[in-house]
Each structure stands twice: as structure tokens, then as C-alpha cells.
């Protein structure tokens, strides 16, 4: 297990390095001059040249990448030139809001998806199974930004069950959870369908295993065999899917944070890209990609711990 974990950690670090380096290269080669956005159209050529020199924009691409990683490894993520503050301060003040949003979405998708998939497998080929399949595919097909908009209009504006904007009062856990419920549900709904379909298929395969037949031969009830024995194995593929699905949830969080006016990494990246604020964009993407890769790594390790066959692959 230690050797498997070490290999996965090295792979995760390599993925972060390649992804951030490629993104940095794309960003600095985009057309347009960021000094025009940051300094305004009336800035003098001398001021623009000095600013470009301070940002290192005139250096070759490979030199800029090397300088970027040198600063990151020394703990310096750069300065937010728009607000004159360290990038790390901007990023890590927004990160908890996005993490809460993503983990809330995982809660919805895992809880509802596993229950729906197990219920569908328990009632295989019945009308309940067909209705469950229709709902699952419908959830998958619904774009998260559409779900977010209509959830806001229905549950917040029309029914007034949930607040429309904001992340809640600082220090008030109940207020935070109340403001978190609807946007996290909007993000997690699509993954309910994915998890339900995967759990159903895995459950049906698991029910044909020898140890399940043995449990039935000992006289255990059908419900106990399904929910106490088969489900424990059937959820393993869902863990892997949710680990990879963190990336999709992070991208959906951008729309949810904009629609619900929530602070977070998504809205910070959107504002920074609009303003060509390179240091904040790269700092935000570094943390977002690191968060995604870490969650995928944890999912791999959990799968390997629960199913030793994974370590031999």
C-alpha cells in the first residue's frame, strides 16, 4: 500500500506541474497587453514598460515559467496589483467558500445517488427502476448553470425558502449552511444521476458474486443482503467517480458563485481573467488544480484501501 501511495503521489505532483505550466504558457501568450487593463489607457509608455519589467512579461516563456515555479516553491504567489495585496491572501480567503460548496455538492450527489442507485437495483426491471433511470438521465443532462438559475428563481425568489445571495453571516454555522444548501444542490444534482447509474450497474454485478449467494443461502433477508453486503462493494466505483468529478464540480462552482453572488475561487478567477490579473489567476488555478488532484488522489487511495485488487493495476 505504501508503494502504491508513493507512486500515486508522484503522479499527482507531475500532473499539477504539467497542468499549471501549460496553463501559464497559454495565458502569457494570449493576445492583448495586460498593462492596458491594469494601468488604464492613459498610462505613459514609460510606466507600461516599467510595469511589464516588474511583472517579468518581457522575459522568454521558459524563463517566465521557471521564475513562476521558483516563486511558488519559495512560498511567494505574487501580488494582486488591483488591490495591492498578496495573492495568497486573496486565494486562501476565497478557498474555504469554494471547498464548502464542493463538499456540499459531494454530500448531495453521494447521498441521493447511492440511495437512488441501490433502490433501482433492488427493484430491477420494475416501473420504479424505469422511473429512476429517467430521473438519473435527466439529472445528468441538466446543465448546472441552468439548474442554479431555476433553483434560484423557484426556491429563493418565488417560494422564498432559501436566501438569494451571499454565503451567510461569518461565524454563524446555521446561517452558512442555510446559504450553502441551494447552490451546493444545484452543483451536485447532475452527479446524482452519474452516481445512481454507476451504483445500480455495480450493484447488479455484485449481486451475482458467490459470497452474495452464500449470504442468501444462510437465510439472510434480501434487504439485508443488498444494503449490508452488496452495497459496501457497489459504492467503490462511485467513490472513484466522485473523486474525478471534483473537477466538474469546481467548474460548476464558477457559475454557482456568480448566480448566487457567493465569494469563492470561481468568482475570483472570473474577475481576475476579466481584468487580466495574471498573478491572481495563476494563484487561483494552482490552488484549484491542486485541490482537484488531491481529491482524486484521496479517492484512489480510498479505493485501494477498500479493494486490494486496485493496487495490482
Protein backbone atom coordinates (compact mmCIF):
# COMPACT_ATOMS: atom_id res chain seq x y z
CA UNK A 1 0.00 0.00 0.00
CA UNK A 2 2.87 2.39 0.78
CA UNK A 3 4.48 1.77 -2.60
CA UNK A 4 1.13 2.34 -4.34
CA UNK A 5 0.56 5.57 -2.39
CA UNK A 6 4.08 6.81 -3.21
CA UNK A 7 3.55 6.20 -6.93
CA UNK A 8 0.21 8.00 -6.86
CA UNK A 9 1.67 11.00 -5.02
CA UNK A 10 4.47 11.32 -7.61
CA UNK A 11 1.89 11.10 -10.42
CA UNK A 12 -0.24 13.77 -8.74
CA UNK A 13 2.72 16.15 -8.46
CA UNK A 14 3.61 15.58 -12.12
CA UNK A 15 0.02 16.33 -13.17
CA UNK A 16 -0.01 19.57 -11.18
CA UNK A 17 3.31 20.67 -12.71
CA UNK A 18 2.29 19.93 -16.31
CA UNK A 19 -1.20 21.41 -15.96
CA UNK A 20 -0.05 24.66 -14.35
CA UNK A 21 2.89 25.08 -16.74
CA UNK A 22 0.63 24.58 -19.77
CA UNK A 23 -1.96 26.99 -18.40
CA UNK A 24 0.72 29.58 -17.62
CA UNK A 25 2.10 29.29 -21.16
CA UNK A 26 -1.35 29.77 -22.70
CA UNK A 27 -2.10 32.76 -20.51
CA UNK A 28 1.09 34.72 -21.17
CA UNK A 29 0.84 34.10 -24.93
CA UNK A 30 -2.74 35.36 -25.23
CA UNK A 31 -3.13 38.43 -27.45
CA UNK A 32 -3.50 41.77 -25.71
CA UNK A 33 -1.47 43.82 -23.28
CA UNK A 34 -2.39 43.34 -19.60
CA UNK A 35 -0.79 46.68 -18.73
CA UNK A 36 -3.58 48.45 -20.65
CA UNK A 37 -6.20 46.80 -18.43
CA UNK A 38 -4.29 47.19 -15.19
CA UNK A 39 -2.92 50.72 -15.72
CA UNK A 40 -5.61 52.15 -17.98
CA UNK A 41 -5.39 53.58 -21.50
CA UNK A 42 -3.81 56.85 -20.33
CA UNK A 43 -0.70 55.25 -18.84
CA UNK A 44 2.55 56.52 -20.35
CA UNK A 45 4.79 54.17 -22.36
CA UNK A 46 7.49 54.52 -19.70
CA UNK A 47 5.07 53.44 -16.94
CA UNK A 48 3.90 50.49 -19.02
CA UNK A 49 7.45 49.41 -19.73
CA UNK A 50 8.38 49.61 -16.03
CA UNK A 51 5.28 47.64 -15.10
CA UNK A 52 6.00 44.94 -17.69
CA UNK A 53 9.55 44.72 -16.37
CA UNK A 54 8.34 44.35 -12.78
CA UNK A 55 5.95 41.54 -13.86
CA UNK A 56 8.63 39.87 -15.99
CA UNK A 57 6.42 39.93 -19.10
CA UNK A 58 9.33 40.72 -21.41
CA UNK A 59 11.27 37.58 -20.48
CA UNK A 60 11.16 34.44 -22.70
CA UNK A 61 8.35 31.97 -21.95
CA UNK A 62 10.63 29.32 -20.42
CA UNK A 63 12.24 31.93 -18.19
CA UNK A 64 8.83 33.15 -17.03
CA UNK A 65 7.76 29.57 -16.23
CA UNK A 66 10.98 28.92 -14.30
CA UNK A 67 10.59 32.19 -12.38
CA UNK A 68 6.95 31.36 -11.61
CA UNK A 69 7.80 27.94 -10.14
CA UNK A 70 10.75 29.42 -8.29
CA UNK A 71 8.43 31.89 -6.56
CA UNK A 72 5.85 29.19 -5.82
CA UNK A 73 8.43 26.84 -4.28
CA UNK A 74 9.68 29.70 -2.10
CA UNK A 75 6.13 30.37 -0.89
CA UNK A 76 5.54 33.56 -2.88
CA UNK A 77 2.43 33.54 -5.09
CA UNK A 78 2.92 37.15 -6.21
CA UNK A 79 0.95 40.36 -5.70
CA UNK A 80 -2.61 41.27 -6.58
CA UNK A 81 -1.93 44.52 -8.42
CA UNK A 82 -5.59 45.55 -8.49
CA UNK A 83 -5.97 45.56 -4.71
CA UNK A 84 -2.31 45.77 -3.66
CA UNK A 85 -2.34 42.63 -1.52
CA UNK A 86 -0.58 39.24 -1.67
CA UNK A 87 -2.18 36.71 -4.00
CA UNK A 88 -2.08 34.11 -1.24
CA UNK A 89 -4.29 36.32 0.91
CA UNK A 90 -6.87 36.67 -1.88
CA UNK A 91 -6.83 32.98 -2.77
CA UNK A 92 -6.90 31.45 0.70
CA UNK A 93 -9.64 33.82 1.86
CA UNK A 94 -11.82 32.60 -1.04
CA UNK A 95 -10.86 28.90 -0.88
CA UNK A 96 -12.97 27.89 2.18
CA UNK A 97 -16.15 29.09 0.46
CA UNK A 98 -15.45 27.00 -2.64
CA UNK A 99 -14.44 23.96 -0.59
CA UNK A 100 -17.69 24.19 1.37
CA UNK A 101 -19.62 24.44 -1.91
CA UNK A 102 -17.88 21.43 -3.46
CA UNK A 103 -18.15 19.23 -0.37
CA UNK A 104 -21.80 20.20 -0.06
CA UNK A 105 -22.30 19.09 -3.68
CA UNK A 106 -20.49 15.81 -2.91
CA UNK A 107 -22.84 15.26 0.03
CA UNK A 108 -25.92 15.71 -2.16
CA UNK A 109 -24.59 13.59 -5.04
CA UNK A 110 -23.29 10.76 -2.84
CA UNK A 111 -26.31 10.55 -0.52
CA UNK A 112 -29.04 10.84 -3.15
CA UNK A 113 -27.11 8.97 -5.87
CA UNK A 114 -26.25 5.94 -3.74
CA UNK A 115 -29.78 5.67 -2.37
CA UNK A 116 -31.33 6.05 -5.83
CA UNK A 117 -28.94 3.52 -7.39
CA UNK A 118 -29.46 0.95 -4.63
CA UNK A 119 -33.24 1.43 -4.78
CA UNK A 120 -33.17 1.00 -8.57
CA UNK A 121 -31.12 -2.21 -8.32
CA UNK A 122 -33.39 -3.53 -5.57
CA UNK A 123 -36.40 -3.04 -7.89
CA UNK A 124 -34.72 -4.19 -11.12
CA UNK A 125 -36.86 -4.06 -14.29
CA UNK A 126 -39.87 -2.69 -12.41
CA UNK A 127 -41.61 0.59 -13.21
CA UNK A 128 -39.80 2.12 -10.24
CA UNK A 129 -36.49 1.16 -11.87
CA UNK A 130 -37.57 2.80 -15.13
CA UNK A 131 -38.64 5.99 -13.38
CA UNK A 132 -35.33 6.04 -11.51
CA UNK A 133 -33.46 5.65 -14.82
CA UNK A 134 -35.38 8.52 -16.39
CA UNK A 135 -34.65 10.76 -13.41
CA UNK A 136 -30.96 9.83 -13.43
CA UNK A 137 -30.52 10.63 -17.12
CA UNK A 138 -32.50 13.83 -16.67
CA UNK A 139 -30.22 14.93 -13.84
CA UNK A 140 -27.13 14.20 -15.97
CA UNK A 141 -28.50 16.14 -18.95
CA UNK A 142 -29.39 19.25 -16.96
CA UNK A 143 -26.54 21.85 -17.10
CA UNK A 144 -25.51 23.06 -13.66
CA UNK A 145 -25.87 26.75 -14.55
CA UNK A 146 -29.46 26.14 -15.72
CA UNK A 147 -30.24 24.24 -12.53
CA UNK A 148 -28.68 27.06 -10.50
CA UNK A 149 -30.75 29.75 -12.26
CA UNK A 150 -34.05 27.92 -11.99
CA UNK A 151 -33.35 26.84 -8.40
CA UNK A 152 -32.74 30.48 -7.54
CA UNK A 153 -35.94 31.60 -9.28
CA UNK A 154 -38.11 28.82 -7.81
CA UNK A 155 -36.85 28.24 -4.27
CA UNK A 156 -35.45 31.69 -3.48
CA UNK A 157 -37.45 34.25 -5.47
CA UNK A 158 -40.86 32.56 -5.78
CA UNK A 159 -41.15 30.30 -2.72
CA UNK A 160 -38.65 32.24 -0.55
CA UNK A 161 -37.43 29.07 1.13
CA UNK A 162 -33.74 29.92 0.73
CA UNK A 163 -31.72 33.16 0.58
CA UNK A 164 -30.95 34.55 -2.85
CA UNK A 165 -27.37 35.81 -2.46
CA UNK A 166 -24.38 35.67 -0.14
CA UNK A 167 -22.61 33.00 1.91
CA UNK A 168 -24.18 33.69 5.30
CA UNK A 169 -23.07 35.52 8.41
CA UNK A 170 -19.42 34.97 9.40
CA UNK A 171 -19.15 32.74 12.46
CA UNK A 172 -22.78 31.61 12.26
CA UNK A 173 -22.75 27.93 11.21
CA UNK A 174 -26.52 27.70 10.78
CA UNK A 175 -26.56 30.75 8.51
CA UNK A 176 -23.66 29.38 6.48
CA UNK A 177 -25.36 26.02 5.95
CA UNK A 178 -28.65 27.73 5.10
CA UNK A 179 -26.97 29.79 2.36
CA UNK A 180 -24.97 26.74 1.20
CA UNK A 181 -27.85 24.29 0.74
CA UNK A 182 -29.30 25.55 -2.55
CA UNK A 183 -26.10 26.31 -4.55
CA UNK A 184 -24.49 23.02 -3.49
CA UNK A 185 -27.65 21.15 -4.51
CA UNK A 186 -27.57 22.87 -7.92
CA UNK A 187 -23.99 21.67 -8.48
CA UNK A 188 -24.46 18.16 -7.09
CA UNK A 189 -27.71 17.33 -8.90
CA UNK A 190 -26.04 16.27 -12.18
CA UNK A 191 -23.70 13.95 -10.30
CA UNK A 192 -26.67 12.32 -8.56
CA UNK A 193 -27.51 10.77 -11.93
CA UNK A 194 -23.94 9.59 -12.57
CA UNK A 195 -23.61 8.01 -9.13
CA UNK A 196 -27.05 6.39 -9.33
CA UNK A 197 -26.32 4.75 -12.70
CA UNK A 198 -22.88 3.53 -11.57
CA UNK A 199 -24.14 2.19 -8.24
CA UNK A 200 -27.03 0.39 -9.96
CA UNK A 201 -24.74 -1.30 -12.50
CA UNK A 202 -22.17 -2.20 -9.86
CA UNK A 203 -24.89 -3.46 -7.53
CA UNK A 204 -26.36 -5.78 -10.17
CA UNK A 205 -22.90 -7.17 -10.90
CA UNK A 206 -22.15 -7.64 -7.20
CA UNK A 207 -25.42 -9.48 -6.59
CA UNK A 208 -24.14 -12.26 -8.86
CA UNK A 209 -21.00 -12.88 -6.76
CA UNK A 210 -20.52 -16.12 -4.84
CA UNK A 211 -20.42 -14.52 -1.40
CA UNK A 212 -23.82 -12.94 -2.05
CA UNK A 213 -25.23 -16.36 -2.96
CA UNK A 214 -23.70 -17.73 0.24
CA UNK A 215 -25.33 -14.98 2.30
CA UNK A 216 -28.69 -15.78 0.74
CA UNK A 217 -28.15 -19.49 1.38
CA UNK A 218 -27.73 -18.72 5.08
CA UNK A 219 -31.24 -17.29 5.08
CA UNK A 220 -30.45 -13.57 5.27
CA UNK A 221 -33.22 -11.28 4.09
CA UNK A 222 -32.99 -9.72 0.64
CA UNK A 223 -32.84 -6.21 2.07
CA UNK A 224 -30.02 -7.13 4.45
CA UNK A 225 -28.04 -8.81 1.66
CA UNK A 226 -28.41 -5.77 -0.61
CA UNK A 227 -27.83 -2.93 1.84
CA UNK A 228 -25.43 -4.60 4.31
CA UNK A 229 -23.25 -6.65 1.96
CA UNK A 230 -23.65 -5.79 -1.72
CA UNK A 231 -23.83 -2.02 -1.30
CA UNK A 232 -20.48 -1.87 0.52
CA UNK A 233 -18.75 -3.19 -2.61
CA UNK A 234 -21.03 -1.50 -5.14
CA UNK A 235 -20.17 2.01 -3.96
CA UNK A 236 -16.45 1.63 -4.74
CA UNK A 237 -16.77 2.81 -8.39
CA UNK A 238 -18.87 5.75 -7.16
CA UNK A 239 -16.02 6.85 -4.87
CA UNK A 240 -13.68 6.94 -7.86
CA UNK A 241 -16.18 8.86 -9.98
CA UNK A 242 -16.77 11.46 -7.27
CA UNK A 243 -13.02 11.90 -6.84
CA UNK A 244 -12.64 12.67 -10.54
CA UNK A 245 -15.87 14.65 -10.53
CA UNK A 246 -14.31 17.26 -8.27
CA UNK A 247 -13.01 18.96 -11.42
CA UNK A 248 -16.51 19.21 -12.87
CA UNK A 249 -17.87 20.49 -9.60
CA UNK A 250 -15.15 23.14 -9.43
CA UNK A 251 -16.05 24.38 -12.90
CA UNK A 252 -19.74 24.37 -11.95
CA UNK A 253 -18.88 26.32 -8.81
CA UNK A 254 -17.90 29.26 -11.04
CA UNK A 255 -21.48 29.55 -12.28
CA UNK A 256 -23.00 28.91 -8.85
CA UNK A 257 -20.84 31.56 -7.19
CA UNK A 258 -21.79 34.08 -9.87
CA UNK A 259 -25.51 33.24 -9.84
CA UNK A 260 -25.78 33.24 -6.04
CA UNK A 261 -23.23 36.06 -5.56
CA UNK A 262 -21.04 33.90 -3.34
CA UNK A 263 -17.36 34.59 -2.67
CA UNK A 264 -15.01 31.82 -3.76
CA UNK A 265 -12.27 30.68 -6.12
CA UNK A 266 -14.66 30.58 -9.08
CA UNK A 267 -15.78 34.18 -8.82
CA UNK A 268 -12.19 35.25 -8.04
CA UNK A 269 -10.90 33.57 -11.23
CA UNK A 270 -13.72 35.10 -13.28
CA UNK A 271 -12.97 38.62 -12.02
CA UNK A 272 -9.22 38.13 -12.45
CA UNK A 273 -9.49 36.81 -16.01
CA UNK A 274 -11.74 39.73 -16.93
CA UNK A 275 -9.13 42.14 -15.55
CA UNK A 276 -6.10 40.23 -16.95
CA UNK A 277 -4.78 39.97 -13.41
CA UNK A 278 -2.25 37.22 -14.15
CA UNK A 279 -0.84 36.62 -10.64
CA UNK A 280 -4.29 36.11 -9.11
CA UNK A 281 -5.42 33.87 -11.99
CA UNK A 282 -2.36 31.64 -11.68
CA UNK A 283 -2.51 31.53 -7.90
CA UNK A 284 -6.20 30.62 -8.00
CA UNK A 285 -5.68 27.97 -10.68
CA UNK A 286 -2.74 26.49 -8.79
CA UNK A 287 -4.86 26.03 -5.69
CA UNK A 288 -7.89 24.81 -7.67
CA UNK A 289 -5.88 22.24 -9.65
CA UNK A 290 -4.04 21.16 -6.50
CA UNK A 291 -7.38 20.72 -4.72
CA UNK A 292 -8.78 18.67 -7.63
CA UNK A 293 -5.70 16.43 -7.94
CA UNK A 294 -5.58 15.92 -4.16
CA UNK A 295 -9.23 14.81 -4.08
CA UNK A 296 -8.63 12.42 -6.99
CA UNK A 297 -5.56 11.07 -5.15
CA UNK A 298 -7.57 10.54 -1.97
CA UNK A 299 -10.25 8.71 -3.99
CA UNK A 300 -7.57 6.43 -5.48
CA UNK A 301 -6.11 5.67 -2.06
CA UNK A 302 -9.54 5.02 -0.52
CA UNK A 303 -10.38 2.65 -3.37
CA UNK A 304 -7.06 0.86 -2.95
CA UNK A 305 -7.62 0.54 0.79
CA UNK A 306 -11.14 -0.84 0.37
CA UNK A 307 -10.30 -3.07 -2.61
CA UNK A 308 -6.74 -4.52 -2.59
CA UNK A 309 -7.15 -5.59 -6.23
CA UNK A 310 -6.72 -1.94 -7.22
CA UNK A 311 -3.11 -1.93 -6.03
CA UNK A 312 -2.11 -4.54 -8.60
CA UNK A 313 -3.21 -2.41 -11.56
